[in-house]
Amino acid sequence: MFCDRITVMKSGRVVAGGTPAEVITEELIRDVYGVRAVVTPDGPDGRPSVRFLPRR
């Protein structure tokens, strides 16, 4: 919604870069941020929408 390309970093290193649809995945969110989420392509223009899940 706010950008055409994104870069995700962890501990000062680039983990992923590209369009939001390419980069924002459930696995990336889990690995980088340590949280569970559901990613669906139902945002504006088919961009990913993220819903965070409660902790187990």
PDB file of N, CA and C in Angstrom:
ATOM      1  N   MET A   1       0.820  -1.183   0.000  1.00  0.00           N
ATOM      2  CA  MET A   1       0.000   0.000   0.000  1.00  0.00           C
ATOM      3  C   MET A   1       0.873   1.260   0.000  1.00  0.00           C
ATOM      4  N   PHE A   2       2.034   1.177   0.651  1.00  0.00           N
ATOM      5  CA  PHE A   2       2.866   2.361   0.789  1.00  0.00           C
ATOM      6  C   PHE A   2       4.158   2.296  -0.014  1.00  0.00           C
ATOM      7  N   CYS A   3       4.497   1.138  -0.569  1.00  0.00           N
ATOM      8  CA  CYS A   3       5.753   1.042  -1.310  1.00  0.00           C
ATOM      9  C   CYS A   3       5.649  -0.001  -2.423  1.00  0.00           C
ATOM     10  N   ASP A   4       6.517   0.146  -3.410  1.00  0.00           N
ATOM     11  CA  ASP A   4       6.568  -0.803  -4.523  1.00  0.00           C
ATOM     12  C   ASP A   4       7.633  -1.875  -4.311  1.00  0.00           C
ATOM     13  N   ARG A   5       8.651  -1.550  -3.524  1.00  0.00           N
ATOM     14  CA  ARG A   5       9.732  -2.499  -3.225  1.00  0.00           C
ATOM     15  C   ARG A   5      10.084  -2.366  -1.751  1.00  0.00           C
ATOM     16  N   ILE A   6      10.483  -3.489  -1.149  1.00  0.00           N
ATOM     17  CA  ILE A   6      10.883  -3.464   0.259  1.00  0.00           C
ATOM     18  C   ILE A   6      12.172  -4.262   0.445  1.00  0.00           C
ATOM     19  N   THR A   7      12.877  -3.942   1.516  1.00  0.00           N
ATOM     20  CA  THR A   7      14.054  -4.687   1.935  1.00  0.00           C
ATOM     21  C   THR A   7      13.853  -5.044   3.399  1.00  0.00           C
ATOM     22  N   VAL A   8      14.076  -6.305   3.735  1.00  0.00           N
ATOM     23  CA  VAL A   8      13.944  -6.767   5.116  1.00  0.00           C
ATOM     24  C   VAL A   8      15.339  -7.092   5.621  1.00  0.00           C
ATOM     25  N   MET A   9      15.647  -6.567   6.811  1.00  0.00           N
ATOM     26  CA  MET A   9      16.958  -6.799   7.408  1.00  0.00           C
ATOM     27  C   MET A   9      16.811  -7.454   8.772  1.00  0.00           C
ATOM     28  N   LYS A  10      17.814  -8.244   9.135  1.00  0.00           N
ATOM     29  CA  LYS A  10      17.880  -8.853  10.462  1.00  0.00           C
ATOM     30  C   LYS A  10      19.335  -8.788  10.912  1.00  0.00           C
ATOM     31  N   SER A  11      19.550  -8.226  12.083  1.00  0.00           N
ATOM     32  CA  SER A  11      20.901  -8.104  12.641  1.00  0.00           C
ATOM     33  C   SER A  11      21.853  -7.411  11.675  1.00  0.00           C
ATOM     34  N   GLY A  12      21.359  -6.372  10.990  1.00  0.00           N
ATOM     35  CA  GLY A  12      22.201  -5.592  10.098  1.00  0.00           C
ATOM     36  C   GLY A  12      22.465  -6.205   8.743  1.00  0.00           C
ATOM     37  N   ARG A  13      21.829  -7.326   8.441  1.00  0.00           N
ATOM     38  CA  ARG A  13      22.031  -7.997   7.156  1.00  0.00           C
ATOM     39  C   ARG A  13      20.725  -8.059   6.380  1.00  0.00           C
ATOM     40  N   VAL A  14      20.837  -7.900   5.076  1.00  0.00           N
ATOM     41  CA  VAL A  14      19.664  -7.999   4.212  1.00  0.00           C
ATOM     42  C   VAL A  14      19.239  -9.461   4.121  1.00  0.00           C
ATOM     43  N   VAL A  15      17.983  -9.715   4.448  1.00  0.00           N
ATOM     44  CA  VAL A  15      17.424 -11.067   4.391  1.00  0.00           C
ATOM     45  C   VAL A  15      16.663 -11.270   3.087  1.00  0.00           C
ATOM     46  N   ALA A  16      15.943 -10.240   2.643  1.00  0.00           N
ATOM     47  CA  ALA A  16      15.143 -10.352   1.424  1.00  0.00           C
ATOM     48  C   ALA A  16      14.900  -8.967   0.851  1.00  0.00           C
ATOM     49  N   GLY A  17      14.670  -8.920  -0.441  1.00  0.00           N
ATOM     50  CA  GLY A  17      14.334  -7.674  -1.100  1.00  0.00           C
ATOM     51  C   GLY A  17      13.524  -7.949  -2.345  1.00  0.00           C
ATOM     52  N   GLY A  18      12.635  -7.041  -2.677  1.00  0.00           N
ATOM     53  CA  GLY A  18      11.811  -7.196  -3.873  1.00  0.00           C
ATOM     54  C   GLY A  18      10.467  -6.538  -3.668  1.00  0.00           C
ATOM     55  N   THR A  19       9.491  -6.981  -4.423  1.00  0.00           N
ATOM     56  CA  THR A  19       8.147  -6.437  -4.263  1.00  0.00           C
ATOM     57  C   THR A  19       7.524  -7.006  -2.995  1.00  0.00           C
ATOM     58  N   PRO A  20       6.541  -6.335  -2.423  1.00  0.00           N
ATOM     59  CA  PRO A  20       5.891  -6.880  -1.230  1.00  0.00           C
ATOM     60  C   PRO A  20       5.355  -8.301  -1.453  1.00  0.00           C
ATOM     61  N   ALA A  21       4.782  -8.571  -2.620  1.00  0.00           N
ATOM     62  CA  ALA A  21       4.248  -9.908  -2.900  1.00  0.00           C
ATOM     63  C   ALA A  21       5.349 -10.966  -2.922  1.00  0.00           C
ATOM     64  N   GLU A  22       6.546 -10.600  -3.343  1.00  0.00           N
ATOM     65  CA  GLU A  22       7.667 -11.539  -3.381  1.00  0.00           C
ATOM     66  C   GLU A  22       8.278 -11.766  -2.004  1.00  0.00           C
ATOM     67  N   VAL A  23       8.314 -10.722  -1.194  1.00  0.00           N
ATOM     68  CA  VAL A  23       9.087 -10.748   0.049  1.00  0.00           C
ATOM     69  C   VAL A  23       8.267 -11.145   1.271  1.00  0.00           C
ATOM     70  N   ILE A  24       7.062 -10.632   1.393  1.00  0.00           N
ATOM     71  CA  ILE A  24       6.291 -10.839   2.621  1.00  0.00           C
ATOM     72  C   ILE A  24       5.634 -12.215   2.601  1.00  0.00           C
ATOM     73  N   THR A  25       6.240 -13.135   3.350  1.00  0.00           N
ATOM     74  CA  THR A  25       5.720 -14.494   3.466  1.00  0.00           C
ATOM     75  C   THR A  25       5.595 -14.854   4.942  1.00  0.00           C
ATOM     76  N   GLU A  26       4.818 -15.874   5.204  1.00  0.00           N
ATOM     77  CA  GLU A  26       4.670 -16.344   6.587  1.00  0.00           C
ATOM     78  C   GLU A  26       6.008 -16.805   7.139  1.00  0.00           C
ATOM     79  N   GLU A  27       6.802 -17.470   6.307  1.00  0.00           N
ATOM     80  CA  GLU A  27       8.098 -17.979   6.747  1.00  0.00           C
ATOM     81  C   GLU A  27       9.058 -16.838   7.083  1.00  0.00           C
ATOM     82  N   LEU A  28       9.089 -15.814   6.242  1.00  0.00           N
ATOM     83  CA  LEU A  28       9.974 -14.677   6.499  1.00  0.00           C
ATOM     84  C   LEU A  28       9.587 -13.978   7.797  1.00  0.00           C
ATOM     85  N   ILE A  29       8.316 -13.749   8.005  1.00  0.00           N
ATOM     86  CA  ILE A  29       7.864 -13.089   9.240  1.00  0.00           C
ATOM     87  C   ILE A  29       8.246 -13.916  10.460  1.00  0.00           C
ATOM     88  N   ARG A  30       8.070 -15.226  10.370  1.00  0.00           N
ATOM     89  CA  ARG A  30       8.438 -16.105  11.482  1.00  0.00           C
ATOM     90  C   ARG A  30       9.951 -16.071  11.733  1.00  0.00           C
ATOM     91  N   ASP A  31      10.732 -16.186  10.670  1.00  0.00           N
ATOM     92  CA  ASP A  31      12.189 -16.258  10.822  1.00  0.00           C
ATOM     93  C   ASP A  31      12.802 -14.933  11.273  1.00  0.00           C
ATOM     94  N   VAL A  32      12.316 -13.819  10.779  1.00  0.00           N
ATOM     95  CA  VAL A  32      12.909 -12.515  11.087  1.00  0.00           C
ATOM     96  C   VAL A  32      12.365 -11.930  12.383  1.00  0.00           C
ATOM     97  N   TYR A  33      11.052 -12.033  12.574  1.00  0.00           N
ATOM     98  CA  TYR A  33      10.425 -11.363  13.718  1.00  0.00           C
ATOM     99  C   TYR A  33      10.014 -12.317  14.841  1.00  0.00           C
ATOM    100  N   GLY A  34      10.042 -13.624  14.578  1.00  0.00           N
ATOM    101  CA  GLY A  34       9.722 -14.598  15.614  1.00  0.00           C
ATOM    102  C   GLY A  34       8.252 -14.640  15.991  1.00  0.00           C
ATOM    103  N   VAL A  35       7.375 -14.291  15.054  1.00  0.00           N
ATOM    104  CA  VAL A  35       5.937 -14.342  15.306  1.00  0.00           C
ATOM    105  C   VAL A  35       5.250 -15.133  14.200  1.00  0.00           C
ATOM    106  N   ARG A  36       4.089 -15.665  14.538  1.00  0.00           N
ATOM    107  CA  ARG A  36       3.293 -16.402  13.551  1.00  0.00           C
ATOM    108  C   ARG A  36       2.324 -15.437  12.879  1.00  0.00           C
ATOM    109  N   ALA A  37       2.131 -15.637  11.593  1.00  0.00           N
ATOM    110  CA  ALA A  37       1.231 -14.767  10.841  1.00  0.00           C
ATOM    111  C   ALA A  37       0.638 -15.530   9.669  1.00  0.00           C
ATOM    112  N   VAL A  38      -0.481 -15.021   9.183  1.00  0.00           N
ATOM    113  CA  VAL A  38      -1.096 -15.521   7.959  1.00  0.00           C
ATOM    114  C   VAL A  38      -0.994 -14.406   6.934  1.00  0.00           C
ATOM    115  N   VAL A  39      -0.435 -14.735   5.777  1.00  0.00           N
ATOM    116  CA  VAL A  39      -0.278 -13.754   4.710  1.00  0.00           C
ATOM    117  C   VAL A  39      -1.197 -14.147   3.558  1.00  0.00           C
ATOM    118  N   THR A  40      -2.046 -13.209   3.146  1.00  0.00           N
ATOM    119  CA  THR A  40      -2.952 -13.457   2.025  1.00  0.00           C
ATOM    120  C   THR A  40      -2.824 -12.302   1.030  1.00  0.00           C
ATOM    121  N   PRO A  41      -3.030 -12.586  -0.256  1.00  0.00           N
ATOM    122  CA  PRO A  41      -2.881 -11.542  -1.274  1.00  0.00           C
ATOM    123  C   PRO A  41      -4.163 -10.734  -1.482  1.00  0.00           C
ATOM    124  N   ASP A  42      -4.803 -10.326  -0.397  1.00  0.00           N
ATOM    125  CA  ASP A  42      -6.084  -9.630  -0.545  1.00  0.00           C
ATOM    126  C   ASP A  42      -6.017  -8.149  -0.206  1.00  0.00           C
ATOM    127  N   GLY A  43      -4.811  -7.610  -0.138  1.00  0.00           N
ATOM    128  CA  GLY A  43      -4.673  -6.180   0.105  1.00  0.00           C
ATOM    129  C   GLY A  43      -4.898  -5.405  -1.187  1.00  0.00           C
ATOM    130  N   PRO A  44      -4.732  -4.098  -1.153  1.00  0.00           N
ATOM    131  CA  PRO A  44      -4.904  -3.283  -2.356  1.00  0.00           C
ATOM    132  C   PRO A  44      -4.010  -3.772  -3.498  1.00  0.00           C
ATOM    133  N   ASP A  45      -4.560  -3.864  -4.673  1.00  0.00           N
ATOM    134  CA  ASP A  45      -3.818  -4.289  -5.875  1.00  0.00           C
ATOM    135  C   ASP A  45      -3.192  -5.675  -5.740  1.00  0.00           C
ATOM    136  N   GLY A  46      -3.772  -6.550  -4.908  1.00  0.00           N
ATOM    137  CA  GLY A  46      -3.231  -7.896  -4.733  1.00  0.00           C
ATOM    138  C   GLY A  46      -2.006  -7.968  -3.851  1.00  0.00           C
ATOM    139  N   ARG A  47      -1.684  -6.880  -3.191  1.00  0.00           N
ATOM    140  CA  ARG A  47      -0.526  -6.894  -2.297  1.00  0.00           C
ATOM    141  C   ARG A  47      -0.854  -7.687  -1.048  1.00  0.00           C
ATOM    142  N   PRO A  48       0.158  -8.206  -0.383  1.00  0.00           N
ATOM    143  CA  PRO A  48      -0.096  -9.059   0.773  1.00  0.00           C
ATOM    144  C   PRO A  48      -0.736  -8.321   1.944  1.00  0.00           C
ATOM    145  N   SER A  49      -1.606  -9.034   2.597  1.00  0.00           N
ATOM    146  CA  SER A  49      -2.231  -8.569   3.833  1.00  0.00           C
ATOM    147  C   SER A  49      -1.754  -9.517   4.925  1.00  0.00           C
ATOM    148  N   VAL A  50      -1.336  -8.969   6.070  1.00  0.00           N
ATOM    149  CA  VAL A  50      -0.762  -9.788   7.145  1.00  0.00           C
ATOM    150  C   VAL A  50      -1.677  -9.758   8.352  1.00  0.00           C
ATOM    151  N   ARG A  51      -1.980 -10.954   8.856  1.00  0.00           N
ATOM    152  CA  ARG A  51      -2.749 -11.073  10.101  1.00  0.00           C
ATOM    153  C   ARG A  51      -1.880 -11.864  11.073  1.00  0.00           C
ATOM    154  N   PHE A  52      -1.555 -11.246  12.184  1.00  0.00           N
ATOM    155  CA  PHE A  52      -0.714 -11.900  13.175  1.00  0.00           C
ATOM    156  C   PHE A  52      -1.554 -12.812  14.049  1.00  0.00           C
ATOM    157  N   LEU A  53      -0.991 -13.969  14.397  1.00  0.00           N
ATOM    158  CA  LEU A  53      -1.681 -14.970  15.191  1.00  0.00           C
ATOM    159  C   LEU A  53      -1.221 -14.878  16.648  1.00  0.00           C
ATOM    160  N   PRO A  54      -2.100 -15.261  17.577  1.00  0.00           N
ATOM    161  CA  PRO A  54      -1.700 -15.239  18.991  1.00  0.00           C
ATOM    162  C   PRO A  54      -0.605 -16.267  19.259  1.00  0.00           C
ATOM    163  N   ARG A  55       0.135 -16.016  20.303  1.00  0.00           N
ATOM    164  CA  ARG A  55       1.174 -16.972  20.706  1.00  0.00           C
ATOM    165  C   ARG A  55       0.529 -18.250  21.180  1.00  0.00           C
ATOM    166  N   ARG A  56       1.231 -19.333  21.011  1.00  0.00           N
ATOM    167  CA  ARG A  56       0.727 -20.641  21.439  1.00  0.00           C
ATOM    168  C   ARG A  56       0.928 -20.824  22.914  1.00  0.00           C
TER     169      ARG A  56
END
